[in-house]
PDB file of N, CA and C in Angstrom:
ATOM      1  N   MET A   1     -23.751   6.727 -12.830  1.00  0.00           N
ATOM      2  CA  MET A   1     -22.445   7.095 -12.289  1.00  0.00           C
ATOM      3  C   MET A   1     -22.595   7.781 -10.928  1.00  0.00           C
ATOM      4  N   ARG A   2     -23.556   8.688 -10.813  1.00  0.00           N
ATOM      5  CA  ARG A   2     -23.764   9.392  -9.552  1.00  0.00           C
ATOM      6  C   ARG A   2     -24.092   8.404  -8.429  1.00  0.00           C
ATOM      7  N   ARG A   3     -24.882   7.369  -8.758  1.00  0.00           N
ATOM      8  CA  ARG A   3     -25.250   6.363  -7.769  1.00  0.00           C
ATOM      9  C   ARG A   3     -24.022   5.588  -7.284  1.00  0.00           C
ATOM     10  N   LEU A   4     -23.127   5.251  -8.202  1.00  0.00           N
ATOM     11  CA  LEU A   4     -21.894   4.558  -7.825  1.00  0.00           C
ATOM     12  C   LEU A   4     -21.017   5.435  -6.940  1.00  0.00           C
ATOM     13  N   LYS A   5     -20.942   6.722  -7.265  1.00  0.00           N
ATOM     14  CA  LYS A   5     -20.153   7.642  -6.449  1.00  0.00           C
ATOM     15  C   LYS A   5     -20.728   7.719  -5.037  1.00  0.00           C
ATOM     16  N   ARG A   6     -22.047   7.780  -4.923  1.00  0.00           N
ATOM     17  CA  ARG A   6     -22.691   7.843  -3.616  1.00  0.00           C
ATOM     18  C   ARG A   6     -22.441   6.564  -2.829  1.00  0.00           C
ATOM     19  N   LEU A   7     -22.510   5.404  -3.501  1.00  0.00           N
ATOM     20  CA  LEU A   7     -22.243   4.132  -2.849  1.00  0.00           C
ATOM     21  C   LEU A   7     -20.808   4.084  -2.342  1.00  0.00           C
ATOM     22  N   HIS A   8     -19.852   4.506  -3.170  1.00  0.00           N
ATOM     23  CA  HIS A   8     -18.448   4.549  -2.761  1.00  0.00           C
ATOM     24  C   HIS A   8     -18.270   5.455  -1.546  1.00  0.00           C
ATOM     25  N   LEU A   9     -18.910   6.611  -1.560  1.00  0.00           N
ATOM     26  CA  LEU A   9     -18.811   7.560  -0.456  1.00  0.00           C
ATOM     27  C   LEU A   9     -19.410   6.964   0.813  1.00  0.00           C
ATOM     28  N   ASN A  10     -20.548   6.282   0.702  1.00  0.00           N
ATOM     29  CA  ASN A  10     -21.178   5.655   1.866  1.00  0.00           C
ATOM     30  C   ASN A  10     -20.279   4.587   2.470  1.00  0.00           C
ATOM     31  N   LEU A  11     -19.689   3.756   1.638  1.00  0.00           N
ATOM     32  CA  LEU A  11     -18.781   2.719   2.140  1.00  0.00           C
ATOM     33  C   LEU A  11     -17.566   3.337   2.814  1.00  0.00           C
ATOM     34  N   MET A  12     -17.046   4.397   2.224  1.00  0.00           N
ATOM     35  CA  MET A  12     -15.883   5.079   2.761  1.00  0.00           C
ATOM     36  C   MET A  12     -16.194   5.671   4.139  1.00  0.00           C
ATOM     37  N   VAL A  13     -17.301   6.372   4.243  1.00  0.00           N
ATOM     38  CA  VAL A  13     -17.665   7.054   5.489  1.00  0.00           C
ATOM     39  C   VAL A  13     -17.920   6.056   6.604  1.00  0.00           C
ATOM     40  N   ASN A  14     -18.546   4.932   6.297  1.00  0.00           N
ATOM     41  CA  ASN A  14     -18.875   3.956   7.330  1.00  0.00           C
ATOM     42  C   ASN A  14     -17.653   3.285   7.939  1.00  0.00           C
ATOM     43  N   SER A  15     -16.521   3.332   7.265  1.00  0.00           N
ATOM     44  CA  SER A  15     -15.343   2.640   7.774  1.00  0.00           C
ATOM     45  C   SER A  15     -14.287   3.568   8.370  1.00  0.00           C
ATOM     46  N   LEU A  16     -14.559   4.861   8.402  1.00  0.00           N
ATOM     47  CA  LEU A  16     -13.564   5.820   8.867  1.00  0.00           C
ATOM     48  C   LEU A  16     -14.071   6.629  10.059  1.00  0.00           C
ATOM     49  N   SER A  17     -13.143   7.243  10.760  1.00  0.00           N
ATOM     50  CA  SER A  17     -13.454   8.035  11.942  1.00  0.00           C
ATOM     51  C   SER A  17     -13.692   9.501  11.555  1.00  0.00           C
ATOM     52  N   ILE A  18     -14.756  10.076  12.098  1.00  0.00           N
ATOM     53  CA  ILE A  18     -15.210  11.412  11.714  1.00  0.00           C
ATOM     54  C   ILE A  18     -14.976  12.404  12.853  1.00  0.00           C
ATOM     55  N   LEU A  19     -14.405  13.565  12.508  1.00  0.00           N
ATOM     56  CA  LEU A  19     -14.244  14.666  13.462  1.00  0.00           C
ATOM     57  C   LEU A  19     -15.057  15.857  12.962  1.00  0.00           C
ATOM     58  N   ILE A  20     -15.951  16.359  13.813  1.00  0.00           N
ATOM     59  CA  ILE A  20     -16.758  17.542  13.500  1.00  0.00           C
ATOM     60  C   ILE A  20     -16.253  18.672  14.382  1.00  0.00           C
ATOM     61  N   VAL A  21     -15.781  19.765  13.754  1.00  0.00           N
ATOM     62  CA  VAL A  21     -15.146  20.846  14.518  1.00  0.00           C
ATOM     63  C   VAL A  21     -15.955  22.147  14.547  1.00  0.00           C
ATOM     64  N   ASP A  22     -17.155  22.119  14.006  1.00  0.00           N
ATOM     65  CA  ASP A  22     -18.014  23.301  14.021  1.00  0.00           C
ATOM     66  C   ASP A  22     -19.377  22.907  14.567  1.00  0.00           C
ATOM     67  N   ASP A  23     -20.102  23.907  15.040  1.00  0.00           N
ATOM     68  CA  ASP A  23     -21.459  23.692  15.519  1.00  0.00           C
ATOM     69  C   ASP A  23     -22.362  23.376  14.331  1.00  0.00           C
ATOM     70  N   LEU A  24     -23.033  22.231  14.382  1.00  0.00           N
ATOM     71  CA  LEU A  24     -23.920  21.826  13.298  1.00  0.00           C
ATOM     72  C   LEU A  24     -25.349  21.687  13.826  1.00  0.00           C
ATOM     73  N   HIS A  25     -26.287  21.819  12.932  1.00  0.00           N
ATOM     74  CA  HIS A  25     -27.700  21.714  13.290  1.00  0.00           C
ATOM     75  C   HIS A  25     -28.003  20.327  13.864  1.00  0.00           C
ATOM     76  N   ASP A  26     -28.893  20.291  14.829  1.00  0.00           N
ATOM     77  CA  ASP A  26     -29.258  19.030  15.472  1.00  0.00           C
ATOM     78  C   ASP A  26     -29.752  17.986  14.470  1.00  0.00           C
ATOM     79  N   SER A  27     -30.420  18.427  13.410  1.00  0.00           N
ATOM     80  CA  SER A  27     -30.949  17.469  12.429  1.00  0.00           C
ATOM     81  C   SER A  27     -29.812  16.714  11.729  1.00  0.00           C
ATOM     82  N   PHE A  28     -28.669  17.378  11.514  1.00  0.00           N
ATOM     83  CA  PHE A  28     -27.514  16.714  10.896  1.00  0.00           C
ATOM     84  C   PHE A  28     -26.985  15.622  11.824  1.00  0.00           C
ATOM     85  N   LEU A  29     -26.820  15.961  13.093  1.00  0.00           N
ATOM     86  CA  LEU A  29     -26.312  14.992  14.061  1.00  0.00           C
ATOM     87  C   LEU A  29     -27.304  13.843  14.250  1.00  0.00           C
ATOM     88  N   LYS A  30     -28.586  14.172  14.272  1.00  0.00           N
ATOM     89  CA  LYS A  30     -29.621  13.140  14.408  1.00  0.00           C
ATOM     90  C   LYS A  30     -29.547  12.160  13.243  1.00  0.00           C
ATOM     91  N   ARG A  31     -29.383  12.687  12.036  1.00  0.00           N
ATOM     92  CA  ARG A  31     -29.297  11.829  10.850  1.00  0.00           C
ATOM     93  C   ARG A  31     -28.051  10.944  10.903  1.00  0.00           C
ATOM     94  N   MET A  32     -26.945  11.493  11.356  1.00  0.00           N
ATOM     95  CA  MET A  32     -25.713  10.694  11.489  1.00  0.00           C
ATOM     96  C   MET A  32     -25.938   9.545  12.475  1.00  0.00           C
ATOM     97  N   ASN A  33     -26.621   9.837  13.567  1.00  0.00           N
ATOM     98  CA  ASN A  33     -26.921   8.791  14.548  1.00  0.00           C
ATOM     99  C   ASN A  33     -27.863   7.743  13.969  1.00  0.00           C
ATOM    100  N   GLU A  34     -28.873   8.178  13.219  1.00  0.00           N
ATOM    101  CA  GLU A  34     -29.849   7.254  12.638  1.00  0.00           C
ATOM    102  C   GLU A  34     -29.201   6.263  11.676  1.00  0.00           C
ATOM    103  N   ILE A  35     -28.215   6.716  10.946  1.00  0.00           N
ATOM    104  CA  ILE A  35     -27.585   5.801   9.987  1.00  0.00           C
ATOM    105  C   ILE A  35     -26.369   5.074  10.579  1.00  0.00           C
ATOM    106  N   GLY A  36     -26.153   5.280  11.862  1.00  0.00           N
ATOM    107  CA  GLY A  36     -25.148   4.504  12.574  1.00  0.00           C
ATOM    108  C   GLY A  36     -23.713   4.985  12.463  1.00  0.00           C
ATOM    109  N   LEU A  37     -23.533   6.247  12.095  1.00  0.00           N
ATOM    110  CA  LEU A  37     -22.168   6.770  12.009  1.00  0.00           C
ATOM    111  C   LEU A  37     -21.685   7.209  13.383  1.00  0.00           C
ATOM    112  N   THR A  38     -20.443   6.883  13.687  1.00  0.00           N
ATOM    113  CA  THR A  38     -19.854   7.356  14.931  1.00  0.00           C
ATOM    114  C   THR A  38     -18.953   8.540  14.602  1.00  0.00           C
ATOM    115  N   TYR A  39     -18.922   9.488  15.496  1.00  0.00           N
ATOM    116  CA  TYR A  39     -18.166  10.706  15.239  1.00  0.00           C
ATOM    117  C   TYR A  39     -17.748  11.331  16.559  1.00  0.00           C
ATOM    118  N   THR A  40     -16.766  12.198  16.467  1.00  0.00           N
ATOM    119  CA  THR A  40     -16.333  13.012  17.587  1.00  0.00           C
ATOM    120  C   THR A  40     -16.821  14.419  17.297  1.00  0.00           C
ATOM    121  N   TYR A  41     -17.629  14.952  18.198  1.00  0.00           N
ATOM    122  CA  TYR A  41     -18.242  16.268  17.998  1.00  0.00           C
ATOM    123  C   TYR A  41     -17.578  17.269  18.939  1.00  0.00           C
ATOM    124  N   LYS A  42     -16.793  18.177  18.372  1.00  0.00           N
ATOM    125  CA  LYS A  42     -16.038  19.155  19.163  1.00  0.00           C
ATOM    126  C   LYS A  42     -16.214  20.564  18.584  1.00  0.00           C
ATOM    127  N   PRO A  43     -17.415  21.125  18.675  1.00  0.00           N
ATOM    128  CA  PRO A  43     -17.640  22.448  18.091  1.00  0.00           C
ATOM    129  C   PRO A  43     -16.902  23.575  18.817  1.00  0.00           C
ATOM    130  N   ASP A  44     -16.515  23.328  20.050  1.00  0.00           N
ATOM    131  CA  ASP A  44     -15.825  24.368  20.827  1.00  0.00           C
ATOM    132  C   ASP A  44     -14.309  24.174  20.875  1.00  0.00           C
ATOM    133  N   ILE A  45     -13.794  23.272  20.088  1.00  0.00           N
ATOM    134  CA  ILE A  45     -12.354  23.003  20.100  1.00  0.00           C
ATOM    135  C   ILE A  45     -11.584  24.241  19.629  1.00  0.00           C
ATOM    136  N   PRO A  46     -10.550  24.618  20.350  1.00  0.00           N
ATOM    137  CA  PRO A  46      -9.717  25.734  19.879  1.00  0.00           C
ATOM    138  C   PRO A  46      -9.010  25.342  18.574  1.00  0.00           C
ATOM    139  N   ASN A  47      -8.871  26.286  17.668  1.00  0.00           N
ATOM    140  CA  ASN A  47      -8.228  26.017  16.377  1.00  0.00           C
ATOM    141  C   ASN A  47      -6.871  25.348  16.530  1.00  0.00           C
ATOM    142  N   GLY A  48      -6.119  25.760  17.537  1.00  0.00           N
ATOM    143  CA  GLY A  48      -4.785  25.211  17.741  1.00  0.00           C
ATOM    144  C   GLY A  48      -4.764  23.750  18.143  1.00  0.00           C
ATOM    145  N   ASP A  49      -5.897  23.206  18.579  1.00  0.00           N
ATOM    146  CA  ASP A  49      -5.971  21.805  19.007  1.00  0.00           C
ATOM    147  C   ASP A  49      -6.495  20.870  17.919  1.00  0.00           C
ATOM    148  N   ILE A  50      -7.007  21.425  16.835  1.00  0.00           N
ATOM    149  CA  ILE A  50      -7.655  20.590  15.823  1.00  0.00           C
ATOM    150  C   ILE A  50      -6.692  19.584  15.205  1.00  0.00           C
ATOM    151  N   THR A  51      -5.496  20.004  14.853  1.00  0.00           N
ATOM    152  CA  THR A  51      -4.543  19.079  14.228  1.00  0.00           C
ATOM    153  C   THR A  51      -4.223  17.915  15.158  1.00  0.00           C
ATOM    154  N   ARG A  52      -4.043  18.178  16.449  1.00  0.00           N
ATOM    155  CA  ARG A  52      -3.738  17.106  17.404  1.00  0.00           C
ATOM    156  C   ARG A  52      -4.894  16.108  17.483  1.00  0.00           C
ATOM    157  N   VAL A  53      -6.112  16.599  17.583  1.00  0.00           N
ATOM    158  CA  VAL A  53      -7.280  15.726  17.684  1.00  0.00           C
ATOM    159  C   VAL A  53      -7.547  15.024  16.351  1.00  0.00           C
ATOM    160  N   MET A  54      -7.256  15.704  15.259  1.00  0.00           N
ATOM    161  CA  MET A  54      -7.479  15.153  13.920  1.00  0.00           C
ATOM    162  C   MET A  54      -6.643  13.907  13.669  1.00  0.00           C
ATOM    163  N   ALA A  55      -5.555  13.741  14.388  1.00  0.00           N
ATOM    164  CA  ALA A  55      -4.652  12.608  14.172  1.00  0.00           C
ATOM    165  C   ALA A  55      -5.357  11.259  14.285  1.00  0.00           C
ATOM    166  N   ASP A  56      -6.450  11.197  15.017  1.00  0.00           N
ATOM    167  CA  ASP A  56      -7.193   9.950  15.213  1.00  0.00           C
ATOM    168  C   ASP A  56      -8.378   9.806  14.252  1.00  0.00           C
ATOM    169  N   HIS A  57      -8.486  10.698  13.278  1.00  0.00           N
ATOM    170  CA  HIS A  57      -9.638  10.712  12.371  1.00  0.00           C
ATOM    171  C   HIS A  57      -9.190  10.829  10.916  1.00  0.00           C
ATOM    172  N   GLN A  58     -10.042  10.324  10.029  1.00  0.00           N
ATOM    173  CA  GLN A  58      -9.760  10.410   8.601  1.00  0.00           C
ATOM    174  C   GLN A  58     -10.731  11.327   7.859  1.00  0.00           C
ATOM    175  N   ILE A  59     -11.833  11.688   8.528  1.00  0.00           N
ATOM    176  CA  ILE A  59     -12.841  12.566   7.922  1.00  0.00           C
ATOM    177  C   ILE A  59     -12.985  13.811   8.777  1.00  0.00           C
ATOM    178  N   LEU A  60     -13.006  14.965   8.110  1.00  0.00           N
ATOM    179  CA  LEU A  60     -13.194  16.244   8.780  1.00  0.00           C
ATOM    180  C   LEU A  60     -14.477  16.878   8.274  1.00  0.00           C
ATOM    181  N   VAL A  61     -15.358  17.256   9.217  1.00  0.00           N
ATOM    182  CA  VAL A  61     -16.555  18.017   8.880  1.00  0.00           C
ATOM    183  C   VAL A  61     -16.364  19.412   9.446  1.00  0.00           C
ATOM    184  N   VAL A  62     -16.471  20.407   8.572  1.00  0.00           N
ATOM    185  CA  VAL A  62     -16.168  21.781   8.951  1.00  0.00           C
ATOM    186  C   VAL A  62     -17.177  22.726   8.302  1.00  0.00           C
ATOM    187  N   ARG A  63     -17.440  23.822   8.965  1.00  0.00           N
ATOM    188  CA  ARG A  63     -18.228  24.888   8.351  1.00  0.00           C
ATOM    189  C   ARG A  63     -17.254  25.980   7.935  1.00  0.00           C
ATOM    190  N   SER A  64     -16.933  26.859   8.868  1.00  0.00           N
ATOM    191  CA  SER A  64     -16.019  27.957   8.519  1.00  0.00           C
ATOM    192  C   SER A  64     -14.987  28.231   9.604  1.00  0.00           C
ATOM    193  N   LYS A  65     -14.868  27.334  10.562  1.00  0.00           N
ATOM    194  CA  LYS A  65     -13.973  27.531  11.696  1.00  0.00           C
ATOM    195  C   LYS A  65     -12.507  27.649  11.282  1.00  0.00           C
ATOM    196  N   ILE A  66     -12.092  26.822  10.343  1.00  0.00           N
ATOM    197  CA  ILE A  66     -10.679  26.795   9.957  1.00  0.00           C
ATOM    198  C   ILE A  66     -10.523  26.818   8.445  1.00  0.00           C
ATOM    199  N   GLN A  67      -9.328  27.152   8.031  1.00  0.00           N
ATOM    200  CA  GLN A  67      -8.924  27.021   6.638  1.00  0.00           C
ATOM    201  C   GLN A  67      -8.274  25.651   6.499  1.00  0.00           C
ATOM    202  N   VAL A  68      -8.833  24.839   5.641  1.00  0.00           N
ATOM    203  CA  VAL A  68      -8.247  23.523   5.396  1.00  0.00           C
ATOM    204  C   VAL A  68      -7.313  23.699   4.204  1.00  0.00           C
ATOM    205  N   ASP A  69      -6.116  24.133   4.539  1.00  0.00           N
ATOM    206  CA  ASP A  69      -5.139  24.498   3.512  1.00  0.00           C
ATOM    207  C   ASP A  69      -4.035  23.443   3.403  1.00  0.00           C
ATOM    208  N   ARG A  70      -3.051  23.761   2.591  1.00  0.00           N
ATOM    209  CA  ARG A  70      -1.935  22.840   2.357  1.00  0.00           C
ATOM    210  C   ARG A  70      -1.259  22.437   3.658  1.00  0.00           C
ATOM    211  N   ASP A  71      -1.005  23.393   4.543  1.00  0.00           N
ATOM    212  CA  ASP A  71      -0.338  23.086   5.807  1.00  0.00           C
ATOM    213  C   ASP A  71      -1.162  22.132   6.662  1.00  0.00           C
ATOM    214  N   PHE A  72      -2.478  22.363   6.712  1.00  0.00           N
ATOM    215  CA  PHE A  72      -3.349  21.478   7.492  1.00  0.00           C
ATOM    216  C   PHE A  72      -3.325  20.067   6.911  1.00  0.00           C
ATOM    217  N   MET A  73      -3.412  19.969   5.595  1.00  0.00           N
ATOM    218  CA  MET A  73      -3.399  18.649   4.951  1.00  0.00           C
ATOM    219  C   MET A  73      -2.049  17.962   5.140  1.00  0.00           C
ATOM    220  N   HIS A  74      -0.979  18.721   5.077  1.00  0.00           N
ATOM    221  CA  HIS A  74       0.361  18.162   5.287  1.00  0.00           C
ATOM    222  C   HIS A  74       0.487  17.610   6.708  1.00  0.00           C
ATOM    223  N   ALA A  75      -0.086  18.309   7.685  1.00  0.00           N
ATOM    224  CA  ALA A  75      -0.021  17.877   9.079  1.00  0.00           C
ATOM    225  C   ALA A  75      -0.947  16.697   9.367  1.00  0.00           C
ATOM    226  N   ASN A  76      -1.850  16.394   8.423  1.00  0.00           N
ATOM    227  CA  ASN A  76      -2.826  15.317   8.613  1.00  0.00           C
ATOM    228  C   ASN A  76      -2.853  14.392   7.399  1.00  0.00           C
ATOM    229  N   PRO A  77      -1.787  13.626   7.192  1.00  0.00           N
ATOM    230  CA  PRO A  77      -1.709  12.773   5.994  1.00  0.00           C
ATOM    231  C   PRO A  77      -2.769  11.675   5.964  1.00  0.00           C
ATOM    232  N   GLN A  78      -3.403  11.395   7.089  1.00  0.00           N
ATOM    233  CA  GLN A  78      -4.448  10.368   7.146  1.00  0.00           C
ATOM    234  C   GLN A  78      -5.792  10.887   6.641  1.00  0.00           C
ATOM    235  N   LEU A  79      -5.905  12.191   6.411  1.00  0.00           N
ATOM    236  CA  LEU A  79      -7.155  12.809   5.976  1.00  0.00           C
ATOM    237  C   LEU A  79      -7.577  12.261   4.612  1.00  0.00           C
ATOM    238  N   GLN A  80      -8.809  11.741   4.554  1.00  0.00           N
ATOM    239  CA  GLN A  80      -9.310  11.157   3.314  1.00  0.00           C
ATOM    240  C   GLN A  80     -10.538  11.866   2.764  1.00  0.00           C
ATOM    241  N   LEU A  81     -11.275  12.549   3.633  1.00  0.00           N
ATOM    242  CA  LEU A  81     -12.496  13.202   3.183  1.00  0.00           C
ATOM    243  C   LEU A  81     -12.723  14.475   3.985  1.00  0.00           C
ATOM    244  N   ILE A  82     -13.077  15.548   3.294  1.00  0.00           N
ATOM    245  CA  ILE A  82     -13.447  16.808   3.935  1.00  0.00           C
ATOM    246  C   ILE A  82     -14.879  17.105   3.522  1.00  0.00           C
ATOM    247  N   ALA A  83     -15.755  17.251   4.503  1.00  0.00           N
ATOM    248  CA  ALA A  83     -17.146  17.591   4.246  1.00  0.00           C
ATOM    249  C   ALA A  83     -17.379  19.024   4.720  1.00  0.00           C
ATOM    250  N   ARG A  84     -17.780  19.868   3.810  1.00  0.00           N
ATOM    251  CA  ARG A  84     -18.048  21.276   4.131  1.00  0.00           C
ATOM    252  C   ARG A  84     -19.540  21.428   4.356  1.00  0.00           C
ATOM    253  N   ALA A  85     -19.923  21.689   5.587  1.00  0.00           N
ATOM    254  CA  ALA A  85     -21.326  21.907   5.940  1.00  0.00           C
ATOM    255  C   ALA A  85     -21.592  23.405   5.827  1.00  0.00           C
ATOM    256  N   GLY A  86     -22.084  23.819   4.695  1.00  0.00           N
ATOM    257  CA  GLY A  86     -22.333  25.232   4.461  1.00  0.00           C
ATOM    258  C   GLY A  86     -22.241  25.537   2.986  1.00  0.00           C
ATOM    259  N   SER A  87     -22.287  26.793   2.700  1.00  0.00           N
ATOM    260  CA  SER A  87     -22.279  27.236   1.314  1.00  0.00           C
ATOM    261  C   SER A  87     -20.857  27.412   0.802  1.00  0.00           C
ATOM    262  N   GLY A  88     -20.575  26.818  -0.343  1.00  0.00           N
ATOM    263  CA  GLY A  88     -19.273  26.998  -0.965  1.00  0.00           C
ATOM    264  C   GLY A  88     -18.180  26.145  -0.357  1.00  0.00           C
ATOM    265  N   MET A  89     -17.007  26.244  -0.968  1.00  0.00           N
ATOM    266  CA  MET A  89     -15.835  25.473  -0.534  1.00  0.00           C
ATOM    267  C   MET A  89     -14.629  26.404  -0.397  1.00  0.00           C
ATOM    268  N   ASP A  90     -14.886  27.673  -0.136  1.00  0.00           N
ATOM    269  CA  ASP A  90     -13.830  28.679  -0.148  1.00  0.00           C
ATOM    270  C   ASP A  90     -12.799  28.523   0.964  1.00  0.00           C
ATOM    271  N   ASN A  91     -13.086  27.772   2.011  1.00  0.00           N
ATOM    272  CA  ASN A  91     -12.101  27.590   3.071  1.00  0.00           C
ATOM    273  C   ASN A  91     -11.327  26.271   2.941  1.00  0.00           C
ATOM    274  N   ILE A  92     -11.460  25.645   1.779  1.00  0.00           N
ATOM    275  CA  ILE A  92     -10.745  24.391   1.514  1.00  0.00           C
ATOM    276  C   ILE A  92      -9.894  24.567   0.263  1.00  0.00           C
ATOM    277  N   ASP A  93      -8.629  24.205   0.351  1.00  0.00           N
ATOM    278  CA  ASP A  93      -7.737  24.258  -0.807  1.00  0.00           C
ATOM    279  C   ASP A  93      -8.029  23.021  -1.663  1.00  0.00           C
ATOM    280  N   LEU A  94      -8.927  23.184  -2.614  1.00  0.00           N
ATOM    281  CA  LEU A  94      -9.378  22.060  -3.435  1.00  0.00           C
ATOM    282  C   LEU A  94      -8.277  21.512  -4.339  1.00  0.00           C
ATOM    283  N   VAL A  95      -7.405  22.370  -4.799  1.00  0.00           N
ATOM    284  CA  VAL A  95      -6.297  21.917  -5.646  1.00  0.00           C
ATOM    285  C   VAL A  95      -5.373  20.994  -4.849  1.00  0.00           C
ATOM    286  N   GLU A  96      -5.034  21.412  -3.652  1.00  0.00           N
ATOM    287  CA  GLU A  96      -4.165  20.590  -2.800  1.00  0.00           C
ATOM    288  C   GLU A  96      -4.856  19.289  -2.409  1.00  0.00           C
ATOM    289  N   ALA A  97      -6.139  19.358  -2.095  1.00  0.00           N
ATOM    290  CA  ALA A  97      -6.889  18.150  -1.735  1.00  0.00           C
ATOM    291  C   ALA A  97      -6.881  17.172  -2.901  1.00  0.00           C
ATOM    292  N   ASP A  98      -7.066  17.673  -4.111  1.00  0.00           N
ATOM    293  CA  ASP A  98      -7.063  16.812  -5.289  1.00  0.00           C
ATOM    294  C   ASP A  98      -5.690  16.157  -5.466  1.00  0.00           C
ATOM    295  N   LYS A  99      -4.623  16.924  -5.283  1.00  0.00           N
ATOM    296  CA  LYS A  99      -3.262  16.374  -5.396  1.00  0.00           C
ATOM    297  C   LYS A  99      -3.039  15.239  -4.423  1.00  0.00           C
ATOM    298  N   ARG A 100      -3.656  15.346  -3.252  1.00  0.00           N
ATOM    299  CA  ARG A 100      -3.460  14.354  -2.198  1.00  0.00           C
ATOM    300  C   ARG A 100      -4.502  13.231  -2.236  1.00  0.00           C
ATOM    301  N   GLY A 101      -5.428  13.306  -3.169  1.00  0.00           N
ATOM    302  CA  GLY A 101      -6.458  12.268  -3.276  1.00  0.00           C
ATOM    303  C   GLY A 101      -7.516  12.354  -2.199  1.00  0.00           C
ATOM    304  N   ILE A 102      -7.702  13.544  -1.643  1.00  0.00           N
ATOM    305  CA  ILE A 102      -8.707  13.741  -0.587  1.00  0.00           C
ATOM    306  C   ILE A 102     -10.034  14.116  -1.253  1.00  0.00           C
ATOM    307  N   THR A 103     -11.069  13.376  -0.924  1.00  0.00           N
ATOM    308  CA  THR A 103     -12.410  13.651  -1.436  1.00  0.00           C
ATOM    309  C   THR A 103     -12.981  14.840  -0.686  1.00  0.00           C
ATOM    310  N   CYS A 104     -13.592  15.774  -1.418  1.00  0.00           N
ATOM    311  CA  CYS A 104     -14.238  16.941  -0.805  1.00  0.00           C
ATOM    312  C   CYS A 104     -15.699  16.960  -1.225  1.00  0.00           C
ATOM    313  N   VAL A 105     -16.579  17.135  -0.254  1.00  0.00           N
ATOM    314  CA  VAL A 105     -18.012  17.188  -0.533  1.00  0.00           C
ATOM    315  C   VAL A 105     -18.608  18.400   0.167  1.00  0.00           C
ATOM    316  N   ASN A 106     -19.702  18.862  -0.426  1.00  0.00           N
ATOM    317  CA  ASN A 106     -20.406  20.022   0.135  1.00  0.00           C
ATOM    318  C   ASN A 106     -21.865  19.659   0.273  1.00  0.00           C
TER     319      ASN A 106
END
């Protein structure tokens, strides 16, 4: 089952646009490049601009820059996956994400 979930996630990620809004380690970005993922990397984006830029993306990669709450999800109905690069999922409203069918990974 875990293998099928990983396969589904890989297929999903390869077909969607990724926005990274926090500073991530070079090894993470290198790995994304190696497997052929395209992404928009904006670690210095002001919080107030994230929703506008997010409109062109379906995947959000975040550490702790923003709270991915109900309001953020409501403003971004195209959001399909939230990847939390870091420990825990405390800045993501997991209940709301589940209601909206948004996959969350850590």
